[in-house]
Structures are given as C-alpha cells and as structure tokens.
C-alpha cells in the first residue's frame, strides 16, 4: 500500500514537473515573440485600380491593374540603430525589386543626429499628396540612389546633407557625383500643424523622371550637372489641410539632352492641393482637389496643366476606396505639344497594414 502511494506521488510529481516545464517553455516562447514584436515591424500596401482614360487624340482605354504591392520591414537593432528593407512589385517587368535597403544610426530621443547609408529616397522635395496620380513635382524631382545621408532633427527642426552615386558629367568617372542638402521645420498640434522646407541637389537629372527620359534617348551621361531647387509648405487646421510645392531646375539642359521648343529645357513644376476630412456614417471621408502645372517639361511626358478631384472613404482600419477624376491640358503646338486635352478616372481599393 505504501509502495502504491509512493508511486502515485512520483507520478504526480513528474506530471507537475512536466507541466511546469511546458509552462516555462511557453513563457519563454511568448517572451521571445514579444521581443521580436518590439524589434521588428512589418508594413505593406496593396492597391488595385480600375481605370478609364481618353488621351489628347480622343482615343479611350480602360484597364484593371495591380497598381502597388509593397512589403516593408523595419528592424530596431538598438535604440540608436535601425535597418529598413522595402520590396516593391514592378508591374512593367512583372518582378519584385528592392525599393529601399538602408541602415540608420542615431535619430533617437538621446541622439537627434543620424546617419543613413544604403539605397533610399533622398531628402530632396516632399511630394505630399492626397491624390492617386503622382504630382508633377515628384516626376521632376524624386531621386532614389545608393547614398549617404547625415542629418539632425531637434524640436521640429530638421537638416540634412547627402552624397550619392549620380550621373557621369562630361566623361568624368568619379564614383560620387551627386550632392545636396535640406532644411525644414514641422509642428504638430491638436488642431493645428504645419510643415515647410527647402532643398537643393547638384544635379536634378538624377531624378527618376529625367533619368527615364535620358534612358529613352540613349544617354547615360550629362555635359554639365544642372542643379535643382525644391520648396514646399503645408498646414492643417482642424479638418482642412493645404499643401503646395515647387521643384525646378536652376539652369537649362543642353538641347541634345532635354529639349524644349528647339532649345535646352529648364523644367519646373508646381502642385497645390486642398483637402477636407469629415466623418460620414462613422467612416472617415476625405474630399480633395488639386492643381498641377509644369513648364518646359514636355520631354518628360507631362502635360502643361492638370486639375484633379478625389473622394476617399475608410471602410475599416487600413482599407480604403478612392475615386478620382483628372483633366489635362497639353502644351501648345508652338511648344511641341498637341493643343489638346485629356481626361482620366480611377477607382482604387487600397489596403495598408
């Protein structure tokens, strides 16, 4: 009888020990998952568009397209070190590409100065928009490159300088050819916020839009670098927000590189937007309108003017449906345009996480 009691006690002890081991393993696994969640953040965007458009020749077309598919990962290695990786689906080549991959040191509460190295979008221009169509300023000024960016952020003020691999100038094969810098200020309040800044780049031809035009013309170098200037400002007062931006070249390109009216172009672009956000049937709804203008930018495929209007509704957190209409006016025939106009309608279902 004593032997049976002893055996039972051993069994209970082993069961208790096994349960404790399992509980400890689960707690350890849970702690590990929490540590991963604290250090690694995933984000992504999927956007599907239904489109209709009529070009300057009066030809209409329609399509259903996957407009955007991105996946981003941010890994907080320490309070002063972070790594960022962003993958993007390229619809033209039907493959996934690396959009950004860089490491940032600093930029924390204890260390406002920072250094970012890798492939990233440079702090030249802001390109804020509520619209589905890319602003003309983005086409003209957005620069993505393998680069080094050093800066500081302190009490709303920010400043940065950058260096990157840019376009060859006059046959010069030096590796680092692009430079620039920016200063800005941002204030965030309960009912009022505003932002503004200015930036310069040593060669605006390194932007994606101009680089594409160079590639189509079979050019891989420039006779002389053409510096660029970007100015932006915006404010939000309660439900109303406004934003304006200018991006332009500070000199003219050679006629054989980027032409306008039989001469070298000095492209520029302006975008102005206003938006109103309200709650409709417990869903956040945004109404927006915008105006865009370009000058000497016909070689970039931009119209001279565009007006836009859009409305978007948040169905649930992260899921939005947006409708947008735009109307374009092309450059005049004297400037190499068509004197025509064009229209487009886009309906988008977008999910962000």
Protein backbone atom coordinates (compact mmCIF):
# COMPACT_ATOMS: atom_id res chain seq x y z
CA UNK A 1 0.00 0.00 0.00
CA UNK A 2 2.88 2.35 0.88
CA UNK A 3 4.58 1.41 -2.41
CA UNK A 4 1.44 2.38 -4.36
CA UNK A 5 1.26 5.72 -2.53
CA UNK A 6 4.91 6.38 -3.26
CA UNK A 7 4.44 5.51 -6.92
CA UNK A 8 1.43 7.81 -7.14
CA UNK A 9 3.37 10.64 -5.53
CA UNK A 10 6.21 10.18 -8.03
CA UNK A 11 3.75 10.21 -10.92
CA UNK A 12 2.09 13.37 -9.64
CA UNK A 13 5.49 14.94 -9.15
CA UNK A 14 6.55 14.06 -12.68
CA UNK A 15 3.27 15.41 -14.06
CA UNK A 16 3.70 18.61 -12.09
CA UNK A 17 7.28 18.93 -13.27
CA UNK A 18 6.24 18.33 -16.87
CA UNK A 19 3.51 20.93 -16.60
CA UNK A 20 5.96 23.40 -15.10
CA UNK A 21 8.46 22.72 -17.91
CA UNK A 22 5.73 23.25 -20.50
CA UNK A 23 4.61 26.47 -18.83
CA UNK A 24 8.21 27.70 -18.68
CA UNK A 25 8.71 26.87 -22.38
CA UNK A 26 5.50 28.69 -23.32
CA UNK A 27 6.52 31.71 -21.27
CA UNK A 28 9.97 31.68 -22.87
CA UNK A 29 8.43 31.42 -26.35
CA UNK A 30 6.00 34.24 -25.54
CA UNK A 31 8.83 36.43 -24.28
CA UNK A 32 10.78 35.74 -27.47
CA UNK A 33 7.79 36.68 -29.62
CA UNK A 34 7.30 39.90 -27.66
CA UNK A 35 10.98 40.72 -28.14
CA UNK A 36 10.63 40.16 -31.90
CA UNK A 37 7.50 42.36 -31.99
CA UNK A 38 9.36 45.09 -30.13
CA UNK A 39 12.31 44.95 -32.53
CA UNK A 40 10.74 44.17 -35.92
CA UNK A 41 7.85 45.97 -37.64
CA UNK A 42 6.21 44.79 -40.85
CA UNK A 43 4.16 47.01 -43.17
CA UNK A 44 2.71 46.72 -46.63
CA UNK A 45 0.39 48.17 -49.24
CA UNK A 46 -1.81 46.58 -51.90
CA UNK A 47 -3.64 48.84 -54.37
CA UNK A 48 -5.89 47.66 -57.18
CA UNK A 49 -7.14 50.15 -59.77
CA UNK A 50 -9.96 50.23 -62.29
CA UNK A 51 -9.05 52.89 -64.87
CA UNK A 52 -10.56 54.74 -67.80
CA UNK A 53 -8.85 57.47 -69.81
CA UNK A 54 -9.12 59.44 -73.02
CA UNK A 55 -5.90 60.88 -74.48
CA UNK A 56 -5.29 64.10 -76.40
CA UNK A 57 -6.09 62.32 -79.68
CA UNK A 58 -9.53 61.29 -78.38
CA UNK A 59 -8.58 57.60 -78.04
CA UNK A 60 -10.09 55.95 -74.96
CA UNK A 61 -8.82 52.96 -72.98
CA UNK A 62 -9.69 51.05 -69.82
CA UNK A 63 -7.89 48.61 -67.57
CA UNK A 64 -7.88 46.77 -64.25
CA UNK A 65 -4.41 46.75 -62.75
CA UNK A 66 -2.46 45.95 -59.62
CA UNK A 67 -1.06 49.43 -59.07
CA UNK A 68 1.00 48.79 -55.95
CA UNK A 69 2.28 45.82 -53.98
CA UNK A 70 4.91 46.61 -51.36
CA UNK A 71 6.30 44.96 -48.24
CA UNK A 72 8.46 46.78 -45.71
CA UNK A 73 10.48 45.57 -42.72
CA UNK A 74 12.00 47.77 -40.04
CA UNK A 75 14.34 46.12 -37.55
CA UNK A 76 15.28 48.09 -34.43
CA UNK A 77 18.72 46.68 -33.67
CA UNK A 78 19.22 49.02 -30.72
CA UNK A 79 17.80 52.34 -29.53
CA UNK A 80 20.28 54.07 -31.87
CA UNK A 81 20.38 51.61 -34.80
CA UNK A 82 17.67 50.59 -37.27
CA UNK A 83 17.65 48.69 -40.57
CA UNK A 84 14.97 49.22 -43.24
CA UNK A 85 14.11 46.98 -46.18
CA UNK A 86 11.29 47.68 -48.66
CA UNK A 87 10.31 45.37 -51.51
CA UNK A 88 8.20 46.60 -54.41
CA UNK A 89 6.46 44.75 -57.24
CA UNK A 90 7.45 46.19 -60.64
CA UNK A 91 4.40 45.96 -62.90
CA UNK A 92 6.36 46.74 -66.08
CA UNK A 93 8.85 43.88 -65.61
CA UNK A 94 6.49 41.72 -63.53
CA UNK A 95 9.01 41.06 -60.78
CA UNK A 96 9.80 42.07 -57.21
CA UNK A 97 12.60 44.61 -56.76
CA UNK A 98 14.39 46.16 -53.78
CA UNK A 99 12.94 49.64 -53.40
CA UNK A 100 14.91 50.63 -50.31
CA UNK A 101 17.57 48.97 -48.16
CA UNK A 102 19.48 51.09 -45.67
CA UNK A 103 20.80 51.35 -42.12
CA UNK A 104 20.21 54.35 -39.87
CA UNK A 105 22.41 55.13 -36.89
CA UNK A 106 21.12 57.66 -34.36
CA UNK A 107 17.83 59.54 -34.77
CA UNK A 108 16.64 58.61 -31.28
CA UNK A 109 15.47 60.56 -28.22
CA UNK A 110 19.01 60.52 -26.87
CA UNK A 111 20.74 61.06 -30.21
CA UNK A 112 18.97 63.53 -32.58
CA UNK A 113 21.79 63.37 -35.13
CA UNK A 114 21.70 60.47 -37.58
CA UNK A 115 23.49 58.80 -40.46
CA UNK A 116 21.68 56.70 -43.10
CA UNK A 117 23.61 54.61 -45.63
CA UNK A 118 22.28 52.38 -48.40
CA UNK A 119 19.66 52.65 -51.13
CA UNK A 120 16.99 55.21 -50.22
CA UNK A 121 14.99 58.23 -51.39
CA UNK A 122 16.96 61.42 -50.82
CA UNK A 123 15.52 64.34 -48.82
CA UNK A 124 15.00 66.50 -51.91
CA UNK A 125 11.34 67.50 -52.13
CA UNK A 126 8.38 66.39 -50.06
CA UNK A 127 5.79 65.17 -52.63
CA UNK A 128 2.87 65.01 -50.17
CA UNK A 129 -0.39 64.28 -51.98
CA UNK A 130 -3.96 63.18 -51.32
CA UNK A 131 -4.35 62.24 -54.98
CA UNK A 132 -3.89 58.95 -56.80
CA UNK A 133 -1.92 60.47 -59.67
CA UNK A 134 1.72 61.28 -58.90
CA UNK A 135 2.30 65.02 -58.59
CA UNK A 136 4.35 66.67 -61.34
CA UNK A 137 6.89 67.68 -58.70
CA UNK A 138 7.58 64.01 -57.93
CA UNK A 139 8.15 63.15 -61.60
CA UNK A 140 10.59 66.02 -61.88
CA UNK A 141 12.39 65.79 -58.56
CA UNK A 142 12.30 62.40 -56.79
CA UNK A 143 15.83 61.00 -56.50
CA UNK A 144 16.49 57.42 -55.40
CA UNK A 145 20.12 56.33 -55.12
CA UNK A 146 22.74 54.46 -53.17
CA UNK A 147 23.78 57.24 -50.89
CA UNK A 148 24.93 58.59 -47.56
CA UNK A 149 22.64 60.97 -45.67
CA UNK A 150 23.67 62.76 -42.50
CA UNK A 151 21.35 64.99 -40.55
CA UNK A 152 19.77 66.12 -37.32
CA UNK A 153 16.19 66.50 -36.03
CA UNK A 154 15.51 68.62 -32.96
CA UNK A 155 12.24 70.12 -31.65
CA UNK A 156 10.63 70.14 -35.08
CA UNK A 157 13.69 71.43 -36.95
CA UNK A 158 15.49 69.17 -39.39
CA UNK A 159 18.55 69.50 -41.58
CA UNK A 160 20.43 67.03 -43.74
CA UNK A 161 23.20 66.77 -46.30
CA UNK A 162 23.63 63.91 -48.75
CA UNK A 163 26.06 62.42 -51.23
CA UNK A 164 25.24 59.74 -53.78
CA UNK A 165 26.28 57.96 -56.95
CA UNK A 166 24.99 60.20 -59.72
CA UNK A 167 25.17 60.64 -63.46
CA UNK A 168 28.57 60.99 -65.16
CA UNK A 169 29.45 64.56 -66.07
CA UNK A 170 31.49 65.20 -69.22
CA UNK A 171 33.08 61.76 -69.17
CA UNK A 172 34.21 62.09 -65.56
CA UNK A 173 34.23 58.63 -63.98
CA UNK A 174 34.40 59.65 -60.31
CA UNK A 175 32.13 57.40 -58.27
CA UNK A 176 30.40 60.05 -56.12
CA UNK A 177 28.93 62.77 -58.30
CA UNK A 178 25.77 63.96 -56.57
CA UNK A 179 25.43 66.21 -53.53
CA UNK A 180 22.72 68.19 -51.82
CA UNK A 181 21.07 69.32 -48.62
CA UNK A 182 17.81 70.39 -46.99
CA UNK A 183 16.43 72.31 -44.02
CA UNK A 184 12.88 72.13 -42.73
CA UNK A 185 10.52 72.63 -39.82
CA UNK A 186 7.44 70.72 -38.67
CA UNK A 187 4.95 71.48 -35.90
CA UNK A 188 2.26 69.07 -34.72
CA UNK A 189 -0.58 70.31 -32.52
CA UNK A 190 -4.06 69.07 -31.64
CA UNK A 191 -5.91 71.36 -34.06
CA UNK A 192 -3.03 72.97 -35.93
CA UNK A 193 0.03 71.61 -37.69
CA UNK A 194 2.29 72.91 -40.39
CA UNK A 195 5.46 71.99 -42.26
CA UNK A 196 7.86 73.68 -44.64
CA UNK A 197 11.28 73.24 -46.12
CA UNK A 198 13.79 73.93 -48.86
CA UNK A 199 16.27 71.60 -50.54
CA UNK A 200 18.91 71.69 -53.26
CA UNK A 201 20.52 68.94 -55.35
CA UNK A 202 23.62 69.28 -57.51
CA UNK A 203 22.01 67.50 -60.48
CA UNK A 204 18.24 67.29 -60.94
CA UNK A 205 18.87 64.95 -63.90
CA UNK A 206 19.36 62.18 -61.32
CA UNK A 207 15.61 62.22 -60.61
CA UNK A 208 13.63 59.22 -61.80
CA UNK A 209 11.56 61.14 -64.34
CA UNK A 210 14.50 62.86 -66.05
CA UNK A 211 16.67 59.73 -65.87
CA UNK A 212 13.92 57.80 -67.69
CA UNK A 213 13.86 60.47 -70.43
CA UNK A 214 17.64 60.21 -70.74
CA UNK A 215 17.44 56.41 -70.97
CA UNK A 216 14.82 56.60 -73.74
CA UNK A 217 17.16 58.93 -75.63
CA UNK A 218 20.10 56.55 -75.13
CA UNK A 219 22.04 58.95 -72.87
CA UNK A 220 23.99 57.80 -69.82
CA UNK A 221 25.93 60.99 -69.02
CA UNK A 222 25.41 64.75 -68.96
CA UNK A 223 27.62 67.55 -70.30
CA UNK A 224 27.17 69.64 -67.16
CA UNK A 225 25.25 68.99 -63.98
CA UNK A 226 22.03 71.01 -63.69
CA UNK A 227 21.25 71.91 -60.05
CA UNK A 228 17.70 71.69 -58.74
CA UNK A 229 15.66 73.52 -56.13
CA UNK A 230 12.68 72.27 -54.10
CA UNK A 231 10.37 74.38 -51.90
CA UNK A 232 7.33 73.11 -50.01
CA UNK A 233 4.89 74.14 -47.32
CA UNK A 234 1.65 72.87 -45.85
CA UNK A 235 -0.76 73.34 -42.96
CA UNK A 236 -3.68 71.55 -41.30
CA UNK A 237 -6.32 73.49 -39.37
CA UNK A 238 -8.96 71.18 -37.95
CA UNK A 239 -10.46 69.19 -40.83
CA UNK A 240 -8.87 71.35 -43.56
CA UNK A 241 -5.39 70.78 -44.98
CA UNK A 242 -3.47 72.59 -47.73
CA UNK A 243 -0.14 71.85 -49.37
CA UNK A 244 1.97 73.48 -52.08
CA UNK A 245 5.32 72.56 -53.62
CA UNK A 246 7.70 73.83 -56.28
CA UNK A 247 10.51 71.82 -57.92
CA UNK A 248 12.63 73.22 -60.73
CA UNK A 249 15.97 73.24 -62.49
CA UNK A 250 18.19 76.24 -61.78
CA UNK A 251 19.78 76.13 -65.22
CA UNK A 252 18.97 74.85 -68.71
CA UNK A 253 19.90 71.47 -70.11
CA UNK A 254 21.70 71.15 -73.43
CA UNK A 255 19.24 70.86 -76.33
CA UNK A 256 20.58 67.40 -77.15
CA UNK A 257 19.83 66.17 -73.63
CA UNK A 258 16.45 67.60 -72.66
CA UNK A 259 14.86 69.86 -75.26
CA UNK A 260 12.01 72.34 -75.30
CA UNK A 261 10.97 74.39 -78.34
CA UNK A 262 14.26 73.68 -80.18
CA UNK A 263 16.35 74.74 -77.19
CA UNK A 264 17.56 73.32 -73.92
CA UNK A 265 14.78 72.87 -71.37
CA UNK A 266 14.73 74.34 -67.88
CA UNK A 267 11.90 72.25 -66.43
CA UNK A 268 9.83 73.25 -63.41
CA UNK A 269 6.64 72.05 -61.72
CA UNK A 270 4.15 73.27 -59.14
CA UNK A 271 1.49 71.33 -57.25
CA UNK A 272 -1.22 72.81 -55.00
CA UNK A 273 -3.76 70.73 -53.05
CA UNK A 274 -6.54 71.23 -50.51
CA UNK A 275 -8.42 68.53 -48.59
CA UNK A 276 -11.36 68.33 -46.18
CA UNK A 277 -11.78 65.38 -43.80
CA UNK A 278 -15.10 64.55 -42.14
CA UNK A 279 -16.97 61.60 -40.63
CA UNK A 280 -19.80 60.27 -42.80
CA UNK A 281 -21.84 57.42 -41.31
CA UNK A 282 -18.94 56.76 -38.89
CA UNK A 283 -16.44 56.41 -41.75
CA UNK A 284 -13.57 58.84 -42.27
CA UNK A 285 -14.09 60.54 -45.63
CA UNK A 286 -11.62 62.78 -47.43
CA UNK A 287 -12.54 65.18 -50.23
CA UNK A 288 -9.59 66.71 -52.09
CA UNK A 289 -8.90 68.96 -55.06
CA UNK A 290 -5.64 69.88 -56.71
CA UNK A 291 -3.95 71.86 -59.45
CA UNK A 292 -0.64 70.99 -61.09
CA UNK A 293 1.44 72.97 -63.57
CA UNK A 294 4.63 72.24 -65.45
CA UNK A 295 6.95 74.42 -67.53
CA UNK A 296 9.32 73.23 -70.27
CA UNK A 297 8.69 69.62 -69.22
CA UNK A 298 7.17 68.18 -72.39
CA UNK A 299 10.19 65.86 -72.81
CA UNK A 300 9.21 64.22 -69.50
CA UNK A 301 5.75 63.33 -70.84
CA UNK A 302 3.99 65.83 -68.57
CA UNK A 303 1.02 67.94 -69.68
CA UNK A 304 1.21 71.67 -69.08
CA UNK A 305 -1.69 71.76 -66.61
CA UNK A 306 -3.82 69.31 -64.63
CA UNK A 307 -6.81 69.68 -62.32
CA UNK A 308 -7.89 66.84 -60.04
CA UNK A 309 -10.72 65.98 -57.67
CA UNK A 310 -11.00 62.93 -55.44
CA UNK A 311 -13.05 61.37 -52.66
CA UNK A 312 -11.98 58.54 -50.39
CA UNK A 313 -13.76 56.54 -47.68
CA UNK A 314 -12.18 54.38 -44.97
CA UNK A 315 -14.28 51.18 -44.90
CA UNK A 316 -12.36 49.70 -41.98
CA UNK A 317 -8.95 50.42 -40.49
CA UNK A 318 -6.41 50.19 -43.31
CA UNK A 319 -8.95 49.58 -46.07
CA UNK A 320 -9.99 52.49 -48.28
CA UNK A 321 -11.88 53.03 -51.52
CA UNK A 322 -10.96 56.14 -53.51
CA UNK A 323 -12.33 57.67 -56.68
CA UNK A 324 -10.52 60.34 -58.67
CA UNK A 325 -11.04 62.39 -61.83
CA UNK A 326 -8.41 64.46 -63.62
CA UNK A 327 -8.34 66.72 -66.67
CA UNK A 328 -5.14 67.63 -68.55
CA UNK A 329 -4.24 70.43 -70.93
CA UNK A 330 -1.32 69.62 -73.22
CA UNK A 331 1.37 72.06 -74.33
CA UNK A 332 0.62 74.22 -77.35
CA UNK A 333 1.68 73.16 -80.83
CA UNK A 334 4.23 76.01 -80.84
CA UNK A 335 5.96 74.32 -77.90
CA UNK A 336 5.81 70.87 -79.46
CA UNK A 337 2.51 69.81 -77.88
CA UNK A 338 -0.87 68.91 -79.36
CA UNK A 339 -3.09 71.80 -78.18
CA UNK A 340 -5.36 69.03 -76.94
CA UNK A 341 -6.73 67.88 -73.62
CA UNK A 342 -7.22 64.55 -71.88
CA UNK A 343 -9.33 63.01 -69.11
CA UNK A 344 -8.99 60.13 -66.71
CA UNK A 345 -10.97 58.35 -63.99
CA UNK A 346 -9.51 55.98 -61.41
CA UNK A 347 -11.31 53.84 -58.81
CA UNK A 348 -8.93 52.29 -56.27
CA UNK A 349 -9.28 49.75 -53.50
CA UNK A 350 -6.30 50.06 -51.17
CA UNK A 351 -5.23 48.14 -48.10
CA UNK A 352 -2.41 49.20 -45.82
CA UNK A 353 -1.07 47.34 -42.81
